[in-house]
Amino acid sequence: MSAMPARAPRVTPAPLPKRARGHISRVKPLVLDPIIEAIPVAVPKGKASNRTFAFILVGMLVAGMLMLLLVNTMAAQASFEKHALQLELSHKTADRQRLEGEVARAESPEHLLVMANRMGMVPAATPVFLRLSDHKILGKRVAASAGN
């Protein structure tokens, strides 16, 4: 809970003596007059003709329509560029997928076996391993031959 009362008490100003009331009304203009005079307010003298008003109104309308046309043209141009970039992206994605498929086919064991046979390679009859910790060769080295 707060220390504030639910409703603030109503404060009524104390009535001023008649002499003081007149004194306050004379002080207000004396204080405000220099401030009001210091603010530059240029109010045109006279009245604009209907023709001038119409030219200003039509000019604002034409300027607004030109700005709207410019914005719409720029939006349409951006839309065409976006469409062209989306087409290019789809073509690049298709090319990438095609190339990834070719690489996957070239890395397959069947394809590697066919390519090794074409180059004259033959499978080893007895595998030999190299232990890296002590550089020892495990297994018996036998030259592979095409007859195996």
N, C-alpha and C. Protein backbone atom coordinates (compact mmCIF):
# COMPACT_ATOMS: atom_id res chain seq x y z
N MET A 1 0.84 -1.18 0.00
CA MET A 1 0.00 0.00 0.00
C MET A 1 0.87 1.23 0.00
N SER A 2 0.37 2.25 -0.60
CA SER A 2 1.14 3.49 -0.64
C SER A 2 0.67 4.42 0.46
N ALA A 3 1.48 5.40 0.70
CA ALA A 3 1.16 6.37 1.74
C ALA A 3 0.24 7.46 1.22
N MET A 4 -0.04 7.44 -0.07
CA MET A 4 -0.91 8.47 -0.66
C MET A 4 -2.36 8.18 -0.28
N PRO A 5 -3.12 9.20 0.02
CA PRO A 5 -4.54 8.97 0.28
C PRO A 5 -5.24 8.61 -1.02
N ALA A 6 -6.34 7.94 -0.93
CA ALA A 6 -7.09 7.50 -2.11
C ALA A 6 -7.52 8.69 -2.95
N ARG A 7 -7.81 9.79 -2.35
CA ARG A 7 -8.23 10.98 -3.08
C ARG A 7 -7.51 12.18 -2.48
N ALA A 8 -6.88 12.95 -3.34
CA ALA A 8 -6.16 14.12 -2.86
C ALA A 8 -7.16 15.17 -2.40
N PRO A 9 -6.85 15.84 -1.33
CA PRO A 9 -7.79 16.87 -0.86
C PRO A 9 -7.85 18.02 -1.85
N ARG A 10 -8.99 18.61 -1.96
CA ARG A 10 -9.20 19.73 -2.88
C ARG A 10 -8.63 21.00 -2.24
N VAL A 11 -7.80 21.67 -3.06
CA VAL A 11 -7.18 22.90 -2.56
C VAL A 11 -7.88 24.07 -3.22
N THR A 12 -8.38 24.95 -2.43
CA THR A 12 -9.03 26.15 -2.96
C THR A 12 -8.14 27.34 -2.64
N PRO A 13 -7.88 28.16 -3.64
CA PRO A 13 -7.01 29.31 -3.36
C PRO A 13 -7.72 30.30 -2.42
N ALA A 14 -6.89 30.90 -1.65
CA ALA A 14 -7.44 31.90 -0.72
C ALA A 14 -7.85 33.13 -1.53
N PRO A 15 -8.97 33.75 -1.19
CA PRO A 15 -9.40 34.92 -1.95
C PRO A 15 -8.42 36.08 -1.75
N LEU A 16 -8.15 36.77 -2.86
CA LEU A 16 -7.23 37.90 -2.82
C LEU A 16 -8.00 39.18 -2.49
N PRO A 17 -7.35 40.08 -1.83
CA PRO A 17 -8.01 41.37 -1.60
C PRO A 17 -8.22 42.09 -2.93
N LYS A 18 -9.17 42.99 -2.96
CA LYS A 18 -9.52 43.68 -4.19
C LYS A 18 -8.32 44.46 -4.76
N ARG A 19 -7.51 45.01 -3.93
CA ARG A 19 -6.36 45.76 -4.40
C ARG A 19 -5.38 44.85 -5.14
N ALA A 20 -5.14 43.66 -4.66
CA ALA A 20 -4.17 42.75 -5.25
C ALA A 20 -4.67 42.22 -6.59
N ARG A 21 -5.96 42.04 -6.75
CA ARG A 21 -6.50 41.52 -8.02
C ARG A 21 -6.17 42.45 -9.18
N GLY A 22 -6.30 43.69 -9.02
CA GLY A 22 -5.99 44.66 -10.06
C GLY A 22 -4.50 44.72 -10.35
N HIS A 23 -3.70 44.52 -9.34
CA HIS A 23 -2.25 44.56 -9.51
C HIS A 23 -1.77 43.39 -10.36
N ILE A 24 -2.32 42.18 -10.19
CA ILE A 24 -1.91 41.00 -10.95
C ILE A 24 -2.31 41.16 -12.41
N SER A 25 -3.47 41.69 -12.67
CA SER A 25 -3.90 41.84 -14.06
C SER A 25 -3.02 42.86 -14.79
N ARG A 26 -2.44 43.82 -14.10
CA ARG A 26 -1.55 44.79 -14.75
C ARG A 26 -0.16 44.20 -14.95
N VAL A 27 0.27 43.25 -14.14
CA VAL A 27 1.61 42.69 -14.24
C VAL A 27 1.67 41.71 -15.42
N LYS A 28 0.64 40.94 -15.68
CA LYS A 28 0.66 39.95 -16.76
C LYS A 28 1.02 40.57 -18.10
N PRO A 29 0.34 41.61 -18.56
CA PRO A 29 0.72 42.17 -19.86
C PRO A 29 2.12 42.75 -19.85
N LEU A 30 2.56 43.31 -18.75
CA LEU A 30 3.90 43.88 -18.70
C LEU A 30 4.97 42.80 -18.87
N VAL A 31 4.73 41.62 -18.37
CA VAL A 31 5.69 40.52 -18.48
C VAL A 31 5.59 39.85 -19.84
N LEU A 32 4.39 39.67 -20.35
CA LEU A 32 4.21 38.92 -21.58
C LEU A 32 4.42 39.76 -22.84
N ASP A 33 4.22 41.04 -22.78
CA ASP A 33 4.35 41.88 -23.98
C ASP A 33 5.73 41.79 -24.63
N PRO A 34 6.84 41.91 -23.91
CA PRO A 34 8.15 41.81 -24.57
C PRO A 34 8.39 40.42 -25.18
N ILE A 35 7.88 39.40 -24.54
CA ILE A 35 8.06 38.05 -25.05
C ILE A 35 7.26 37.88 -26.34
N ILE A 36 6.05 38.35 -26.35
CA ILE A 36 5.21 38.23 -27.54
C ILE A 36 5.81 39.04 -28.68
N GLU A 37 6.33 40.22 -28.39
CA GLU A 37 6.92 41.05 -29.44
C GLU A 37 8.21 40.45 -29.97
N ALA A 38 8.94 39.68 -29.17
CA ALA A 38 10.21 39.09 -29.59
C ALA A 38 10.00 37.89 -30.53
N ILE A 39 8.85 37.28 -30.52
CA ILE A 39 8.58 36.12 -31.38
C ILE A 39 8.24 36.63 -32.76
N PRO A 40 9.08 36.27 -33.76
CA PRO A 40 8.79 36.75 -35.12
C PRO A 40 7.68 35.93 -35.76
N VAL A 41 6.59 36.56 -35.99
CA VAL A 41 5.47 35.92 -36.65
C VAL A 41 5.16 36.74 -37.88
N ALA A 42 5.39 36.13 -39.05
CA ALA A 42 5.14 36.85 -40.29
C ALA A 42 3.81 36.38 -40.85
N VAL A 43 2.83 37.18 -40.69
CA VAL A 43 1.52 36.88 -41.23
C VAL A 43 1.37 37.71 -42.50
N PRO A 44 1.17 37.03 -43.63
CA PRO A 44 1.07 37.80 -44.87
C PRO A 44 -0.14 38.71 -44.84
N LYS A 45 0.06 39.85 -45.41
CA LYS A 45 -1.04 40.81 -45.49
C LYS A 45 -1.82 40.54 -46.77
N GLY A 46 -3.05 40.63 -46.71
CA GLY A 46 -3.88 40.45 -47.89
C GLY A 46 -4.40 39.03 -47.98
N LYS A 47 -4.97 38.71 -49.15
CA LYS A 47 -5.61 37.42 -49.34
C LYS A 47 -5.15 36.84 -50.68
N ALA A 48 -4.85 35.53 -50.70
CA ALA A 48 -4.44 34.88 -51.94
C ALA A 48 -5.66 34.74 -52.83
N SER A 49 -5.41 34.84 -54.14
CA SER A 49 -6.53 34.72 -55.07
C SER A 49 -6.90 33.25 -55.24
N ASN A 50 -8.07 33.02 -55.77
CA ASN A 50 -8.52 31.65 -56.00
C ASN A 50 -7.62 30.95 -57.02
N ARG A 51 -7.13 31.69 -57.99
CA ARG A 51 -6.26 31.10 -59.01
C ARG A 51 -4.95 30.62 -58.37
N THR A 52 -4.36 31.41 -57.49
CA THR A 52 -3.12 31.02 -56.81
C THR A 52 -3.36 29.77 -55.97
N PHE A 53 -4.43 29.76 -55.25
CA PHE A 53 -4.78 28.59 -54.43
C PHE A 53 -4.96 27.36 -55.30
N ALA A 54 -5.62 27.50 -56.42
CA ALA A 54 -5.84 26.37 -57.32
C ALA A 54 -4.52 25.87 -57.89
N PHE A 55 -3.61 26.79 -58.29
CA PHE A 55 -2.31 26.37 -58.80
C PHE A 55 -1.51 25.62 -57.75
N ILE A 56 -1.54 26.10 -56.54
CA ILE A 56 -0.82 25.41 -55.47
C ILE A 56 -1.40 24.03 -55.23
N LEU A 57 -2.71 23.93 -55.19
CA LEU A 57 -3.38 22.64 -54.96
C LEU A 57 -3.10 21.66 -56.10
N VAL A 58 -3.21 22.13 -57.35
CA VAL A 58 -2.94 21.26 -58.50
C VAL A 58 -1.47 20.85 -58.52
N GLY A 59 -0.57 21.76 -58.18
CA GLY A 59 0.86 21.45 -58.13
C GLY A 59 1.16 20.36 -57.12
N MET A 60 0.54 20.47 -55.95
CA MET A 60 0.74 19.44 -54.92
C MET A 60 0.17 18.10 -55.39
N LEU A 61 -0.96 18.12 -56.06
CA LEU A 61 -1.57 16.90 -56.56
C LEU A 61 -0.69 16.25 -57.63
N VAL A 62 -0.17 17.05 -58.56
CA VAL A 62 0.70 16.52 -59.61
C VAL A 62 1.99 15.97 -59.01
N ALA A 63 2.57 16.68 -58.06
CA ALA A 63 3.80 16.20 -57.41
C ALA A 63 3.54 14.88 -56.69
N GLY A 64 2.43 14.77 -56.02
CA GLY A 64 2.09 13.52 -55.33
C GLY A 64 1.90 12.36 -56.30
N MET A 65 1.23 12.62 -57.42
CA MET A 65 1.02 11.57 -58.42
C MET A 65 2.36 11.14 -59.04
N LEU A 66 3.25 12.10 -59.31
CA LEU A 66 4.56 11.75 -59.85
C LEU A 66 5.37 10.92 -58.87
N MET A 67 5.30 11.26 -57.61
CA MET A 67 6.01 10.47 -56.59
C MET A 67 5.43 9.06 -56.51
N LEU A 68 4.12 8.94 -56.59
CA LEU A 68 3.47 7.63 -56.57
C LEU A 68 3.88 6.81 -57.79
N LEU A 69 3.94 7.43 -58.95
CA LEU A 69 4.37 6.75 -60.17
C LEU A 69 5.82 6.28 -60.04
N LEU A 70 6.67 7.12 -59.48
CA LEU A 70 8.07 6.76 -59.29
C LEU A 70 8.21 5.58 -58.34
N VAL A 71 7.49 5.60 -57.24
CA VAL A 71 7.57 4.50 -56.27
C VAL A 71 7.05 3.20 -56.89
N ASN A 72 5.94 3.26 -57.62
CA ASN A 72 5.41 2.06 -58.25
C ASN A 72 6.35 1.51 -59.31
N THR A 73 6.99 2.38 -60.08
CA THR A 73 7.95 1.95 -61.10
C THR A 73 9.15 1.26 -60.45
N MET A 74 9.64 1.83 -59.38
CA MET A 74 10.78 1.23 -58.69
C MET A 74 10.40 -0.12 -58.08
N ALA A 75 9.19 -0.24 -57.55
CA ALA A 75 8.74 -1.52 -56.99
C ALA A 75 8.61 -2.58 -58.08
N ALA A 76 8.09 -2.20 -59.25
CA ALA A 76 7.97 -3.15 -60.35
C ALA A 76 9.35 -3.59 -60.83
N GLN A 77 10.28 -2.66 -60.93
CA GLN A 77 11.63 -3.01 -61.35
C GLN A 77 12.28 -3.97 -60.36
N ALA A 78 12.10 -3.72 -59.08
CA ALA A 78 12.65 -4.61 -58.05
C ALA A 78 12.01 -5.99 -58.14
N SER A 79 10.73 -6.05 -58.48
CA SER A 79 10.05 -7.33 -58.62
C SER A 79 10.63 -8.13 -59.78
N PHE A 80 10.89 -7.47 -60.91
CA PHE A 80 11.49 -8.16 -62.06
C PHE A 80 12.90 -8.66 -61.73
N GLU A 81 13.67 -7.85 -61.04
CA GLU A 81 15.01 -8.27 -60.65
C GLU A 81 14.95 -9.46 -59.70
N LYS A 82 14.01 -9.45 -58.79
CA LYS A 82 13.85 -10.56 -57.85
C LYS A 82 13.50 -11.84 -58.60
N HIS A 83 12.61 -11.74 -59.57
CA HIS A 83 12.21 -12.91 -60.36
C HIS A 83 13.41 -13.46 -61.14
N ALA A 84 14.21 -12.58 -61.74
CA ALA A 84 15.38 -13.03 -62.49
C ALA A 84 16.39 -13.71 -61.58
N LEU A 85 16.59 -13.17 -60.40
CA LEU A 85 17.53 -13.77 -59.45
C LEU A 85 17.02 -15.12 -58.94
N GLN A 86 15.71 -15.25 -58.77
CA GLN A 86 15.16 -16.54 -58.35
C GLN A 86 15.35 -17.59 -59.43
N LEU A 87 15.17 -17.21 -60.71
CA LEU A 87 15.41 -18.15 -61.80
C LEU A 87 16.87 -18.56 -61.84
N GLU A 88 17.77 -17.61 -61.70
CA GLU A 88 19.20 -17.92 -61.71
C GLU A 88 19.56 -18.85 -60.55
N LEU A 89 18.98 -18.60 -59.39
CA LEU A 89 19.23 -19.45 -58.23
C LEU A 89 18.75 -20.87 -58.48
N SER A 90 17.57 -21.02 -59.09
CA SER A 90 17.06 -22.37 -59.35
C SER A 90 17.94 -23.10 -60.36
N HIS A 91 18.46 -22.39 -61.38
CA HIS A 91 19.37 -23.01 -62.35
C HIS A 91 20.68 -23.42 -61.67
N LYS A 92 21.22 -22.57 -60.83
CA LYS A 92 22.47 -22.89 -60.12
C LYS A 92 22.27 -24.07 -59.18
N THR A 93 21.12 -24.14 -58.51
CA THR A 93 20.84 -25.25 -57.61
C THR A 93 20.74 -26.55 -58.39
N ALA A 94 20.08 -26.52 -59.56
CA ALA A 94 19.97 -27.72 -60.38
C ALA A 94 21.35 -28.17 -60.87
N ASP A 95 22.21 -27.23 -61.28
CA ASP A 95 23.57 -27.56 -61.71
C ASP A 95 24.36 -28.19 -60.57
N ARG A 96 24.23 -27.63 -59.38
CA ARG A 96 24.96 -28.15 -58.23
C ARG A 96 24.50 -29.57 -57.91
N GLN A 97 23.20 -29.81 -57.94
CA GLN A 97 22.69 -31.15 -57.66
C GLN A 97 23.17 -32.15 -58.72
N ARG A 98 23.20 -31.72 -59.99
CA ARG A 98 23.68 -32.60 -61.06
C ARG A 98 25.15 -32.96 -60.85
N LEU A 99 25.97 -31.95 -60.50
CA LEU A 99 27.39 -32.20 -60.27
C LEU A 99 27.63 -33.08 -59.04
N GLU A 100 26.85 -32.88 -57.99
CA GLU A 100 26.98 -33.73 -56.80
C GLU A 100 26.62 -35.17 -57.14
N GLY A 101 25.61 -35.38 -57.99
CA GLY A 101 25.24 -36.73 -58.42
C GLY A 101 26.36 -37.38 -59.23
N GLU A 102 27.01 -36.61 -60.13
CA GLU A 102 28.12 -37.14 -60.91
C GLU A 102 29.29 -37.54 -60.01
N VAL A 103 29.57 -36.71 -59.01
CA VAL A 103 30.66 -37.03 -58.08
C VAL A 103 30.31 -38.28 -57.28
N ALA A 104 29.08 -38.40 -56.83
CA ALA A 104 28.68 -39.59 -56.06
C ALA A 104 28.80 -40.86 -56.92
N ARG A 105 28.42 -40.78 -58.21
CA ARG A 105 28.54 -41.95 -59.09
C ARG A 105 30.01 -42.29 -59.33
N ALA A 106 30.86 -41.26 -59.49
CA ALA A 106 32.28 -41.51 -59.73
C ALA A 106 32.97 -42.09 -58.50
N GLU A 107 32.47 -41.81 -57.30
CA GLU A 107 33.08 -42.32 -56.07
C GLU A 107 32.56 -43.69 -55.68
N SER A 108 31.58 -44.21 -56.36
CA SER A 108 31.01 -45.51 -55.98
C SER A 108 32.04 -46.62 -56.19
N PRO A 109 32.01 -47.67 -55.35
CA PRO A 109 32.98 -48.76 -55.48
C PRO A 109 32.92 -49.46 -56.84
N GLU A 110 31.73 -49.63 -57.41
CA GLU A 110 31.61 -50.29 -58.70
C GLU A 110 32.34 -49.49 -59.79
N HIS A 111 32.11 -48.18 -59.78
CA HIS A 111 32.75 -47.33 -60.78
C HIS A 111 34.26 -47.31 -60.59
N LEU A 112 34.74 -47.27 -59.33
CA LEU A 112 36.18 -47.29 -59.08
C LEU A 112 36.81 -48.59 -59.56
N LEU A 113 36.11 -49.72 -59.40
CA LEU A 113 36.62 -51.01 -59.85
C LEU A 113 36.72 -51.04 -61.38
N VAL A 114 35.70 -50.54 -62.06
CA VAL A 114 35.72 -50.49 -63.53
C VAL A 114 36.86 -49.60 -64.01
N MET A 115 37.03 -48.45 -63.43
CA MET A 115 38.09 -47.52 -63.85
C MET A 115 39.47 -48.09 -63.55
N ALA A 116 39.64 -48.79 -62.42
CA ALA A 116 40.93 -49.41 -62.10
C ALA A 116 41.24 -50.51 -63.10
N ASN A 117 40.26 -51.31 -63.48
CA ASN A 117 40.48 -52.36 -64.48
C ASN A 117 40.86 -51.76 -65.82
N ARG A 118 40.25 -50.65 -66.20
CA ARG A 118 40.58 -49.99 -67.47
C ARG A 118 42.03 -49.50 -67.47
N MET A 119 42.53 -49.09 -66.30
CA MET A 119 43.90 -48.58 -66.21
C MET A 119 44.91 -49.71 -66.03
N GLY A 120 44.42 -50.95 -65.96
CA GLY A 120 45.33 -52.09 -65.84
C GLY A 120 45.64 -52.48 -64.42
N MET A 121 44.96 -51.99 -63.47
CA MET A 121 45.18 -52.34 -62.07
C MET A 121 44.46 -53.64 -61.75
N VAL A 122 45.03 -54.42 -60.82
CA VAL A 122 44.41 -55.68 -60.40
C VAL A 122 44.31 -55.67 -58.89
N PRO A 123 43.36 -56.40 -58.32
CA PRO A 123 43.26 -56.43 -56.85
C PRO A 123 44.39 -57.27 -56.26
N ALA A 124 44.83 -56.89 -55.07
CA ALA A 124 45.90 -57.61 -54.38
C ALA A 124 45.35 -58.90 -53.80
N ALA A 125 46.15 -59.98 -53.89
CA ALA A 125 45.71 -61.28 -53.36
C ALA A 125 45.84 -61.30 -51.84
N THR A 126 46.93 -60.74 -51.35
CA THR A 126 47.14 -60.71 -49.90
C THR A 126 47.34 -59.27 -49.48
N PRO A 127 46.48 -58.76 -48.61
CA PRO A 127 46.66 -57.37 -48.19
C PRO A 127 47.84 -57.23 -47.22
N VAL A 128 48.48 -56.08 -47.25
CA VAL A 128 49.60 -55.77 -46.37
C VAL A 128 49.26 -54.44 -45.69
N PHE A 129 49.60 -54.38 -44.39
CA PHE A 129 49.28 -53.18 -43.60
C PHE A 129 50.54 -52.58 -43.03
N LEU A 130 50.52 -51.29 -42.82
CA LEU A 130 51.65 -50.57 -42.23
C LEU A 130 51.20 -50.03 -40.88
N ARG A 131 51.90 -50.43 -39.81
CA ARG A 131 51.59 -49.93 -38.48
C ARG A 131 52.37 -48.64 -38.30
N LEU A 132 51.68 -47.54 -38.08
CA LEU A 132 52.30 -46.22 -38.06
C LEU A 132 53.10 -45.95 -36.79
N SER A 133 52.77 -46.63 -35.70
CA SER A 133 53.48 -46.33 -34.44
C SER A 133 54.96 -46.70 -34.53
N ASP A 134 55.26 -47.84 -35.13
CA ASP A 134 56.67 -48.25 -35.23
C ASP A 134 57.12 -48.48 -36.67
N HIS A 135 56.28 -48.13 -37.62
CA HIS A 135 56.56 -48.24 -39.06
C HIS A 135 56.88 -49.68 -39.47
N LYS A 136 56.22 -50.62 -38.87
CA LYS A 136 56.44 -52.03 -39.19
C LYS A 136 55.39 -52.47 -40.21
N ILE A 137 55.80 -53.27 -41.19
CA ILE A 137 54.91 -53.80 -42.20
C ILE A 137 54.35 -55.12 -41.71
N LEU A 138 53.02 -55.22 -41.68
CA LEU A 138 52.34 -56.43 -41.22
C LEU A 138 51.82 -57.19 -42.42
N GLY A 139 52.15 -58.44 -42.53
CA GLY A 139 51.72 -59.26 -43.66
C GLY A 139 52.88 -59.48 -44.61
N LYS A 140 52.68 -60.37 -45.56
CA LYS A 140 53.73 -60.71 -46.51
C LYS A 140 53.45 -60.00 -47.83
N ARG A 141 54.47 -59.30 -48.32
CA ARG A 141 54.33 -58.58 -49.57
C ARG A 141 54.46 -59.55 -50.73
N VAL A 142 53.44 -59.56 -51.56
CA VAL A 142 53.44 -60.39 -52.77
C VAL A 142 52.95 -59.51 -53.89
N ALA A 143 53.66 -59.51 -55.02
CA ALA A 143 53.25 -58.71 -56.16
C ALA A 143 51.97 -59.27 -56.76
N ALA A 144 51.07 -58.38 -57.10
CA ALA A 144 49.80 -58.81 -57.69
C ALA A 144 50.02 -59.10 -59.15
N SER A 145 49.30 -60.07 -59.66
CA SER A 145 49.40 -60.39 -61.07
C SER A 145 48.02 -60.40 -61.67
N ALA A 146 47.96 -60.28 -62.97
CA ALA A 146 46.68 -60.22 -63.67
C ALA A 146 45.98 -61.56 -63.68
N GLY A 147 46.70 -62.62 -63.42
CA GLY A 147 46.10 -63.94 -63.42
C GLY A 147 45.35 -64.27 -62.17
N ASN A 148 45.53 -63.57 -61.06
CA ASN A 148 44.88 -63.90 -59.77
C ASN A 148 43.45 -63.61 -59.81
